């Protein structure tokens, strides 16, 4: 409703607000955060709403500019994990057309130097094109993801990329 009132007052600004309201409405009933990566300017989230749908949302400067849902064709979200000494690694994998996305979290205090990293990786044609890291206690791959998502085998190239190219 606020969007409609604002629409009459500030036509150009509220075109953006109306679009944003319509675009984000499925997430207004979010019940659980499965993955969160907030690096300040960029924010990546995987959310399950009350109806059981899973959504991936990318925001830049607080404005949503990309979203995928589990109800869209050919966009299943899968989780993979592997334990190792002093920690483990897990990620959520999904495809968007020709692009593969990996929302990852890895910890190992048995390695030198120790590993504690999370982020979002994007691959295209078997090459990494983006790897964004984030930190903070509000970020990570959370336990509900393992209850909600189906499993796939962990891809060793993703594990190697995480461990070989950490900050």
Protein backbone atom coordinates (compact mmCIF):
# COMPACT_ATOMS: atom_id res chain seq x y z
CA UNK A 1 0.00 0.00 0.00
CA UNK A 2 2.78 2.43 0.83
CA UNK A 3 4.12 2.03 -2.65
CA UNK A 4 0.84 3.17 -4.20
CA UNK A 5 0.67 6.29 -2.02
CA UNK A 6 4.27 7.17 -2.79
CA UNK A 7 3.65 6.56 -6.50
CA UNK A 8 1.41 9.63 -6.71
CA UNK A 9 3.91 11.89 -4.95
CA UNK A 10 7.25 10.99 -6.54
CA UNK A 11 6.67 9.36 -9.89
CA UNK A 12 10.27 8.44 -10.89
CA UNK A 13 11.44 7.32 -7.44
CA UNK A 14 8.36 5.25 -6.77
CA UNK A 15 8.61 3.37 -10.03
CA UNK A 16 11.64 1.78 -8.40
CA UNK A 17 9.77 1.25 -5.13
CA UNK A 18 6.75 -0.32 -6.81
CA UNK A 19 9.02 -2.67 -8.77
CA UNK A 20 10.91 -3.56 -5.61
CA UNK A 21 7.75 -4.27 -3.66
CA UNK A 22 6.36 -6.51 -6.38
CA UNK A 23 9.70 -8.26 -6.86
CA UNK A 24 10.36 -8.98 -3.19
CA UNK A 25 6.86 -9.89 -2.02
CA UNK A 26 7.48 -13.69 -1.89
CA UNK A 27 10.23 -13.07 0.66
CA UNK A 28 8.11 -11.01 3.02
CA UNK A 29 7.08 -14.24 4.79
CA UNK A 30 10.61 -15.61 5.18
CA UNK A 31 10.79 -18.16 7.94
CA UNK A 32 14.41 -19.34 7.88
CA UNK A 33 17.72 -18.08 6.58
CA UNK A 34 19.68 -20.96 5.07
CA UNK A 35 22.71 -18.93 3.96
CA UNK A 36 23.72 -15.33 4.54
CA UNK A 37 26.76 -13.48 3.20
CA UNK A 38 26.81 -9.74 3.83
CA UNK A 39 29.97 -7.96 2.75
CA UNK A 40 28.62 -4.45 3.23
CA UNK A 41 27.73 -3.30 -0.27
CA UNK A 42 26.77 -6.80 -1.47
CA UNK A 43 24.41 -9.20 0.29
CA UNK A 44 23.67 -12.79 -0.73
CA UNK A 45 20.90 -14.78 0.96
CA UNK A 46 19.25 -18.16 0.63
CA UNK A 47 15.88 -18.13 2.38
CA UNK A 48 13.06 -20.62 2.89
CA UNK A 49 9.62 -19.04 3.22
CA UNK A 50 6.66 -20.37 5.23
CA UNK A 51 5.36 -22.22 2.16
CA UNK A 52 8.63 -24.20 1.87
CA UNK A 53 9.92 -22.37 -1.22
CA UNK A 54 13.62 -21.56 -1.32
CA UNK A 55 14.84 -18.24 -2.71
CA UNK A 56 18.30 -16.96 -3.57
CA UNK A 57 18.51 -13.18 -3.39
CA UNK A 58 21.38 -10.88 -4.36
CA UNK A 59 21.29 -7.25 -3.21
CA UNK A 60 23.60 -4.36 -3.96
CA UNK A 61 23.45 -1.33 -1.68
CA UNK A 62 20.24 -2.73 -0.18
CA UNK A 63 18.46 -2.99 -3.54
CA UNK A 64 17.54 -6.42 -4.84
CA UNK A 65 18.92 -6.93 -8.33
CA UNK A 66 18.79 -10.71 -8.77
CA UNK A 67 16.59 -13.50 -7.45
CA UNK A 68 15.93 -17.19 -8.16
CA UNK A 69 13.42 -19.51 -6.53
CA UNK A 70 13.08 -23.24 -6.10
CA UNK A 71 9.84 -23.04 -8.08
CA UNK A 72 11.62 -21.82 -11.21
CA UNK A 73 12.40 -24.50 -13.80
CA UNK A 74 15.96 -25.90 -13.75
CA UNK A 75 16.99 -24.12 -10.55
CA UNK A 76 17.20 -26.79 -7.87
CA UNK A 77 19.30 -25.93 -4.83
CA UNK A 78 21.61 -28.74 -3.63
CA UNK A 79 23.86 -28.97 -0.60
CA UNK A 80 27.23 -30.74 -0.44
CA UNK A 81 29.58 -31.20 2.48
CA UNK A 82 32.74 -32.94 3.60
CA UNK A 83 34.17 -33.24 7.13
CA UNK A 84 37.91 -33.05 7.79
CA UNK A 85 40.25 -32.73 10.72
CA UNK A 86 39.37 -29.70 12.79
CA UNK A 87 36.38 -28.64 10.69
CA UNK A 88 34.71 -29.19 7.36
CA UNK A 89 33.39 -27.59 4.23
CA UNK A 90 29.88 -27.24 2.85
CA UNK A 91 28.21 -25.38 0.04
CA UNK A 92 24.88 -24.86 -1.67
CA UNK A 93 25.05 -25.26 -5.44
CA UNK A 94 22.56 -24.09 -8.04
CA UNK A 95 22.51 -23.16 -11.70
CA UNK A 96 21.27 -20.03 -13.41
CA UNK A 97 21.43 -20.74 -17.12
CA UNK A 98 25.09 -21.39 -18.00
CA UNK A 99 26.33 -20.16 -14.59
CA UNK A 100 27.00 -22.29 -11.51
CA UNK A 101 26.69 -20.65 -8.09
CA UNK A 102 28.30 -21.96 -4.90
CA UNK A 103 27.40 -20.48 -1.51
CA UNK A 104 30.18 -21.90 0.67
CA UNK A 105 31.47 -22.11 4.23
CA UNK A 106 34.76 -23.80 5.23
CA UNK A 107 36.53 -24.18 8.58
CA UNK A 108 39.67 -26.08 9.52
CA UNK A 109 41.77 -25.31 12.53
CA UNK A 110 44.07 -28.26 11.80
CA UNK A 111 45.63 -26.60 8.73
CA UNK A 112 48.42 -24.05 8.58
CA UNK A 113 47.32 -21.34 8.31
CA UNK A 114 43.90 -22.20 9.69
CA UNK A 115 40.85 -21.77 7.45
CA UNK A 116 37.68 -19.92 8.36
CA UNK A 117 36.12 -18.56 5.19
CA UNK A 118 32.72 -18.17 3.58
CA UNK A 119 31.49 -16.59 0.41
CA UNK A 120 29.83 -16.86 -2.97
CA UNK A 121 31.55 -18.26 -6.05
CA UNK A 122 30.28 -18.09 -9.63
CA UNK A 123 31.58 -20.32 -12.43
CA UNK A 124 31.00 -20.12 -16.18
CA UNK A 125 32.25 -22.66 -18.71
CA UNK A 126 34.32 -24.42 -16.03
CA UNK A 127 36.13 -21.18 -15.05
CA UNK A 128 35.66 -19.13 -11.92
CA UNK A 129 34.44 -15.62 -12.74
CA UNK A 130 33.69 -14.33 -9.23
CA UNK A 131 34.58 -15.20 -5.63
CA UNK A 132 33.24 -12.86 -2.95
CA UNK A 133 34.15 -13.40 0.70
CA UNK A 134 32.30 -12.20 3.76
CA UNK A 135 32.69 -12.52 7.51
CA UNK A 136 30.84 -11.97 10.75
CA UNK A 137 28.71 -14.06 13.08
CA UNK A 138 25.47 -13.28 11.20
CA UNK A 139 26.91 -14.87 8.05
CA UNK A 140 27.30 -18.50 7.07
CA UNK A 141 25.62 -21.65 5.88
CA UNK A 142 23.15 -22.51 8.62
CA UNK A 143 21.95 -25.98 9.81
CA UNK A 144 18.41 -25.69 8.36
CA UNK A 145 19.95 -25.87 4.86
CA UNK A 146 20.91 -29.49 5.53
CA UNK A 147 17.31 -30.37 6.47
CA UNK A 148 15.68 -28.52 3.58
CA UNK A 149 17.92 -29.13 0.56
CA UNK A 150 18.73 -32.36 -1.24
CA UNK A 151 22.35 -33.50 -1.30
CA UNK A 152 24.90 -33.78 -4.08
CA UNK A 153 28.49 -35.02 -4.10
CA UNK A 154 31.04 -32.34 -3.22
CA UNK A 155 32.99 -31.08 -6.24
CA UNK A 156 36.72 -31.18 -5.45
CA UNK A 157 37.43 -28.21 -7.76
CA UNK A 158 35.27 -26.03 -5.50
CA UNK A 159 37.04 -27.26 -2.38
CA UNK A 160 40.43 -26.59 -3.99
CA UNK A 161 39.39 -23.10 -5.06
CA UNK A 162 38.21 -22.25 -1.53
CA UNK A 163 41.42 -23.47 0.11
CA UNK A 164 43.87 -22.20 -2.48
CA UNK A 165 42.45 -18.69 -2.82
CA UNK A 166 41.40 -17.57 0.64
CA UNK A 167 42.25 -14.17 2.07
